[in-house]
Amino acid sequence: MGIADKAQNKIDDLGGQAKEAAGSATGDKSTENEGKIDQAKANLKDAGEKIKDAFK
C-alpha cells in the first residue's frame, strides 16, 4: 500500500470523525450519520488496499 493511499484513507477517516462530532454537538443526526459513513468508507478502502498488498 502506498504512503499516499494510507494518508488519504486517514484523512477521510479523520474528516468523518470531525463530521460525526459536529453533527453530535449540534444535534444534527444526518451530519452525524454522514460522518459515520465516511469513516466506514475509509476503513473499507484501507482493508481493500491491505488485501491487494497481500496478493502481491
PDB file of N, CA and C in Angstrom:
ATOM      1  N   MET A   1       0.856  -1.164   0.000  1.00  0.00           N
ATOM      2  CA  MET A   1       0.000   0.000   0.000  1.00  0.00           C
ATOM      3  C   MET A   1       0.896   1.219   0.000  1.00  0.00           C
ATOM      4  N   GLY A   2       0.574   2.152  -0.855  1.00  0.00           N
ATOM      5  CA  GLY A   2       1.378   3.348  -0.940  1.00  0.00           C
ATOM      6  C   GLY A   2       1.131   4.295   0.215  1.00  0.00           C
ATOM      7  N   ILE A   3       2.119   5.102   0.453  1.00  0.00           N
ATOM      8  CA  ILE A   3       2.015   6.108   1.520  1.00  0.00           C
ATOM      9  C   ILE A   3       0.857   7.057   1.233  1.00  0.00           C
ATOM     10  N   ALA A   4       0.691   7.432  -0.031  1.00  0.00           N
ATOM     11  CA  ALA A   4      -0.379   8.364  -0.400  1.00  0.00           C
ATOM     12  C   ALA A   4      -1.752   7.760  -0.104  1.00  0.00           C
ATOM     13  N   ASP A   5      -1.916   6.458  -0.385  1.00  0.00           N
ATOM     14  CA  ASP A   5      -3.198   5.801  -0.106  1.00  0.00           C
ATOM     15  C   ASP A   5      -3.484   5.771   1.383  1.00  0.00           C
ATOM     16  N   LYS A   6      -2.462   5.437   2.163  1.00  0.00           N
ATOM     17  CA  LYS A   6      -2.641   5.403   3.616  1.00  0.00           C
ATOM     18  C   LYS A   6      -3.013   6.776   4.136  1.00  0.00           C
ATOM     19  N   ALA A   7      -2.321   7.797   3.644  1.00  0.00           N
ATOM     20  CA  ALA A   7      -2.585   9.161   4.100  1.00  0.00           C
ATOM     21  C   ALA A   7      -3.994   9.594   3.728  1.00  0.00           C
ATOM     22  N   GLN A   8      -4.423   9.297   2.505  1.00  0.00           N
ATOM     23  CA  GLN A   8      -5.761   9.701   2.077  1.00  0.00           C
ATOM     24  C   GLN A   8      -6.830   8.985   2.889  1.00  0.00           C
ATOM     25  N   ASN A   9      -6.642   7.706   3.166  1.00  0.00           N
ATOM     26  CA  ASN A   9      -7.603   6.971   3.982  1.00  0.00           C
ATOM     27  C   ASN A   9      -7.676   7.554   5.389  1.00  0.00           C
ATOM     28  N   LYS A  10      -6.536   7.937   5.946  1.00  0.00           N
ATOM     29  CA  LYS A  10      -6.520   8.533   7.284  1.00  0.00           C
ATOM     30  C   LYS A  10      -7.219   9.887   7.279  1.00  0.00           C
ATOM     31  N   ILE A  11      -6.982  10.683   6.223  1.00  0.00           N
ATOM     32  CA  ILE A  11      -7.647  11.983   6.110  1.00  0.00           C
ATOM     33  C   ILE A  11      -9.158  11.798   6.019  1.00  0.00           C
ATOM     34  N   ASP A  12      -9.600  10.827   5.225  1.00  0.00           N
ATOM     35  CA  ASP A  12     -11.032  10.549   5.102  1.00  0.00           C
ATOM     36  C   ASP A  12     -11.624  10.128   6.445  1.00  0.00           C
ATOM     37  N   ASP A  13     -10.882   9.294   7.172  1.00  0.00           N
ATOM     38  CA  ASP A  13     -11.340   8.834   8.481  1.00  0.00           C
ATOM     39  C   ASP A  13     -11.453  10.001   9.462  1.00  0.00           C
ATOM     40  N   LEU A  14     -10.444  10.847   9.486  1.00  0.00           N
ATOM     41  CA  LEU A  14     -10.470  11.996  10.396  1.00  0.00           C
ATOM     42  C   LEU A  14     -11.575  12.978  10.020  1.00  0.00           C
ATOM     43  N   GLY A  15     -11.794  13.159   8.732  1.00  0.00           N
ATOM     44  CA  GLY A  15     -12.892  14.021   8.284  1.00  0.00           C
ATOM     45  C   GLY A  15     -14.234  13.480   8.739  1.00  0.00           C
ATOM     46  N   GLY A  16     -14.387  12.171   8.648  1.00  0.00           N
ATOM     47  CA  GLY A  16     -15.617  11.531   9.116  1.00  0.00           C
ATOM     48  C   GLY A  16     -15.809  11.692  10.613  1.00  0.00           C
ATOM     49  N   GLN A  17     -14.716  11.577  11.354  1.00  0.00           N
ATOM     50  CA  GLN A  17     -14.805  11.764  12.805  1.00  0.00           C
ATOM     51  C   GLN A  17     -15.219  13.188  13.135  1.00  0.00           C
ATOM     52  N   ALA A  18     -14.660  14.152  12.416  1.00  0.00           N
ATOM     53  CA  ALA A  18     -14.996  15.561  12.646  1.00  0.00           C
ATOM     54  C   ALA A  18     -16.461  15.824  12.307  1.00  0.00           C
ATOM     55  N   LYS A  19     -16.908  15.252  11.190  1.00  0.00           N
ATOM     56  CA  LYS A  19     -18.300  15.437  10.776  1.00  0.00           C
ATOM     57  C   LYS A  19     -19.250  14.806  11.789  1.00  0.00           C
ATOM     58  N   GLU A  20     -18.887  13.631  12.276  1.00  0.00           N
ATOM     59  CA  GLU A  20     -19.713  12.955  13.285  1.00  0.00           C
ATOM     60  C   GLU A  20     -19.788  13.790  14.558  1.00  0.00           C
ATOM     61  N   ALA A  21     -18.654  14.318  14.988  1.00  0.00           N
ATOM     62  CA  ALA A  21     -18.624  15.127  16.208  1.00  0.00           C
ATOM     63  C   ALA A  21     -19.434  16.409  16.036  1.00  0.00           C
ATOM     64  N   ALA A  22     -19.319  17.040  14.879  1.00  0.00           N
ATOM     65  CA  ALA A  22     -20.076  18.271  14.631  1.00  0.00           C
ATOM     66  C   ALA A  22     -21.576  17.992  14.636  1.00  0.00           C
ATOM     67  N   GLY A  23     -21.961  16.903  14.006  1.00  0.00           N
ATOM     68  CA  GLY A  23     -23.377  16.531  13.991  1.00  0.00           C
ATOM     69  C   GLY A  23     -23.892  16.215  15.376  1.00  0.00           C
ATOM     70  N   SER A  24     -23.067  15.544  16.156  1.00  0.00           N
ATOM     71  CA  SER A  24     -23.455  15.201  17.518  1.00  0.00           C
ATOM     72  C   SER A  24     -23.588  16.455  18.380  1.00  0.00           C
ATOM     73  N   ALA A  25     -22.660  17.385  18.215  1.00  0.00           N
ATOM     74  CA  ALA A  25     -22.674  18.616  19.017  1.00  0.00           C
ATOM     75  C   ALA A  25     -23.866  19.497  18.683  1.00  0.00           C
ATOM     76  N   THR A  26     -24.279  19.493  17.429  1.00  0.00           N
ATOM     77  CA  THR A  26     -25.396  20.352  17.020  1.00  0.00           C
ATOM     78  C   THR A  26     -26.732  19.621  17.034  1.00  0.00           C
ATOM     79  N   GLY A  27     -26.704  18.337  17.284  1.00  0.00           N
ATOM     80  CA  GLY A  27     -27.935  17.556  17.292  1.00  0.00           C
ATOM     81  C   GLY A  27     -28.420  17.213  15.892  1.00  0.00           C
ATOM     82  N   ASP A  28     -27.556  17.347  14.904  1.00  0.00           N
ATOM     83  CA  ASP A  28     -27.899  17.056  13.511  1.00  0.00           C
ATOM     84  C   ASP A  28     -27.564  15.590  13.216  1.00  0.00           C
ATOM     85  N   LYS A  29     -28.560  14.739  13.295  1.00  0.00           N
ATOM     86  CA  LYS A  29     -28.350  13.297  13.110  1.00  0.00           C
ATOM     87  C   LYS A  29     -27.887  12.972  11.694  1.00  0.00           C
ATOM     88  N   SER A  30     -28.335  13.748  10.708  1.00  0.00           N
ATOM     89  CA  SER A  30     -27.937  13.499   9.331  1.00  0.00           C
ATOM     90  C   SER A  30     -26.427  13.672   9.162  1.00  0.00           C
ATOM     91  N   THR A  31     -25.898  14.767   9.683  1.00  0.00           N
ATOM     92  CA  THR A  31     -24.459  15.016   9.590  1.00  0.00           C
ATOM     93  C   THR A  31     -23.681  13.985  10.400  1.00  0.00           C
ATOM     94  N   GLU A  32     -24.200  13.635  11.535  1.00  0.00           N
ATOM     95  CA  GLU A  32     -23.553  12.625  12.380  1.00  0.00           C
ATOM     96  C   GLU A  32     -23.462  11.293  11.637  1.00  0.00           C
ATOM     97  N   ASN A  33     -24.557  10.913  10.990  1.00  0.00           N
ATOM     98  CA  ASN A  33     -24.573   9.652  10.239  1.00  0.00           C
ATOM     99  C   ASN A  33     -23.650   9.710   9.032  1.00  0.00           C
ATOM    100  N   GLU A  34     -23.586  10.870   8.359  1.00  0.00           N
ATOM    101  CA  GLU A  34     -22.667  11.022   7.236  1.00  0.00           C
ATOM    102  C   GLU A  34     -21.226  10.800   7.702  1.00  0.00           C
ATOM    103  N   GLY A  35     -20.898  11.318   8.872  1.00  0.00           N
ATOM    104  CA  GLY A  35     -19.562  11.133   9.424  1.00  0.00           C
ATOM    105  C   GLY A  35     -19.250   9.674   9.668  1.00  0.00           C
ATOM    106  N   LYS A  36     -20.220   8.951  10.187  1.00  0.00           N
ATOM    107  CA  LYS A  36     -20.026   7.523  10.422  1.00  0.00           C
ATOM    108  C   LYS A  36     -19.833   6.773   9.105  1.00  0.00           C
ATOM    109  N   ILE A  37     -20.585   7.167   8.087  1.00  0.00           N
ATOM    110  CA  ILE A  37     -20.460   6.533   6.773  1.00  0.00           C
ATOM    111  C   ILE A  37     -19.090   6.830   6.178  1.00  0.00           C
ATOM    112  N   ASP A  38     -18.635   8.080   6.294  1.00  0.00           N
ATOM    113  CA  ASP A  38     -17.313   8.442   5.781  1.00  0.00           C
ATOM    114  C   ASP A  38     -16.216   7.615   6.443  1.00  0.00           C
ATOM    115  N   GLN A  39     -16.339   7.393   7.744  1.00  0.00           N
ATOM    116  CA  GLN A  39     -15.352   6.589   8.462  1.00  0.00           C
ATOM    117  C   GLN A  39     -15.386   5.143   7.977  1.00  0.00           C
ATOM    118  N   ALA A  40     -16.576   4.615   7.767  1.00  0.00           N
ATOM    119  CA  ALA A  40     -16.706   3.232   7.298  1.00  0.00           C
ATOM    120  C   ALA A  40     -16.093   3.075   5.918  1.00  0.00           C
ATOM    121  N   LYS A  41     -16.334   4.060   5.038  1.00  0.00           N
ATOM    122  CA  LYS A  41     -15.747   4.007   3.697  1.00  0.00           C
ATOM    123  C   LYS A  41     -14.225   4.014   3.775  1.00  0.00           C
ATOM    124  N   ALA A  42     -13.674   4.858   4.624  1.00  0.00           N
ATOM    125  CA  ALA A  42     -12.217   4.930   4.763  1.00  0.00           C
ATOM    126  C   ALA A  42     -11.662   3.598   5.255  1.00  0.00           C
ATOM    127  N   ASN A  43     -12.353   2.979   6.195  1.00  0.00           N
ATOM    128  CA  ASN A  43     -11.905   1.691   6.720  1.00  0.00           C
ATOM    129  C   ASN A  43     -11.973   0.599   5.650  1.00  0.00           C
ATOM    130  N   LEU A  44     -13.016   0.634   4.817  1.00  0.00           N
ATOM    131  CA  LEU A  44     -13.134  -0.355   3.741  1.00  0.00           C
ATOM    132  C   LEU A  44     -12.041  -0.173   2.693  1.00  0.00           C
ATOM    133  N   LYS A  45     -11.745   1.076   2.351  1.00  0.00           N
ATOM    134  CA  LYS A  45     -10.668   1.346   1.397  1.00  0.00           C
ATOM    135  C   LYS A  45      -9.340   0.830   1.941  1.00  0.00           C
ATOM    136  N   ASP A  46      -9.109   1.072   3.220  1.00  0.00           N
ATOM    137  CA  ASP A  46      -7.863   0.633   3.850  1.00  0.00           C
ATOM    138  C   ASP A  46      -7.771  -0.893   3.827  1.00  0.00           C
ATOM    139  N   ALA A  47      -8.874  -1.547   4.133  1.00  0.00           N
ATOM    140  CA  ALA A  47      -8.891  -3.012   4.112  1.00  0.00           C
ATOM    141  C   ALA A  47      -8.648  -3.539   2.698  1.00  0.00           C
ATOM    142  N   GLY A  48      -9.251  -2.877   1.713  1.00  0.00           N
ATOM    143  CA  GLY A  48      -9.049  -3.285   0.323  1.00  0.00           C
ATOM    144  C   GLY A  48      -7.598  -3.158  -0.104  1.00  0.00           C
ATOM    145  N   GLU A  49      -6.949  -2.086   0.322  1.00  0.00           N
ATOM    146  CA  GLU A  49      -5.538  -1.890  -0.001  1.00  0.00           C
ATOM    147  C   GLU A  49      -4.676  -2.975   0.645  1.00  0.00           C
ATOM    148  N   LYS A  50      -5.016  -3.350   1.861  1.00  0.00           N
ATOM    149  CA  LYS A  50      -4.260  -4.398   2.554  1.00  0.00           C
ATOM    150  C   LYS A  50      -4.428  -5.743   1.856  1.00  0.00           C
ATOM    151  N   ILE A  51      -5.624  -6.004   1.354  1.00  0.00           N
ATOM    152  CA  ILE A  51      -5.866  -7.257   0.631  1.00  0.00           C
ATOM    153  C   ILE A  51      -5.057  -7.278  -0.663  1.00  0.00           C
ATOM    154  N   LYS A  52      -5.051  -6.145  -1.377  1.00  0.00           N
ATOM    155  CA  LYS A  52      -4.257  -6.077  -2.608  1.00  0.00           C
ATOM    156  C   LYS A  52      -2.779  -6.315  -2.316  1.00  0.00           C
ATOM    157  N   ASP A  53      -2.294  -5.742  -1.233  1.00  0.00           N
ATOM    158  CA  ASP A  53      -0.890  -5.919  -0.864  1.00  0.00           C
ATOM    159  C   ASP A  53      -0.584  -7.378  -0.531  1.00  0.00           C
ATOM    160  N   ALA A  54      -1.545  -8.065   0.067  1.00  0.00           N
ATOM    161  CA  ALA A  54      -1.329  -9.452   0.456  1.00  0.00           C
ATOM    162  C   ALA A  54      -1.137 -10.352  -0.764  1.00  0.00           C
ATOM    163  N   PHE A  55      -1.726  -9.983  -1.887  1.00  0.00           N
ATOM    164  CA  PHE A  55      -1.634 -10.795  -3.096  1.00  0.00           C
ATOM    165  C   PHE A  55      -0.518 -10.391  -4.015  1.00  0.00           C
ATOM    166  N   LYS A  56       0.286  -9.427  -3.633  1.00  0.00           N
ATOM    167  CA  LYS A  56       1.414  -9.012  -4.472  1.00  0.00           C
ATOM    168  C   LYS A  56       2.584  -9.952  -4.299  1.00  0.00           C
TER     169      LYS A  56
END
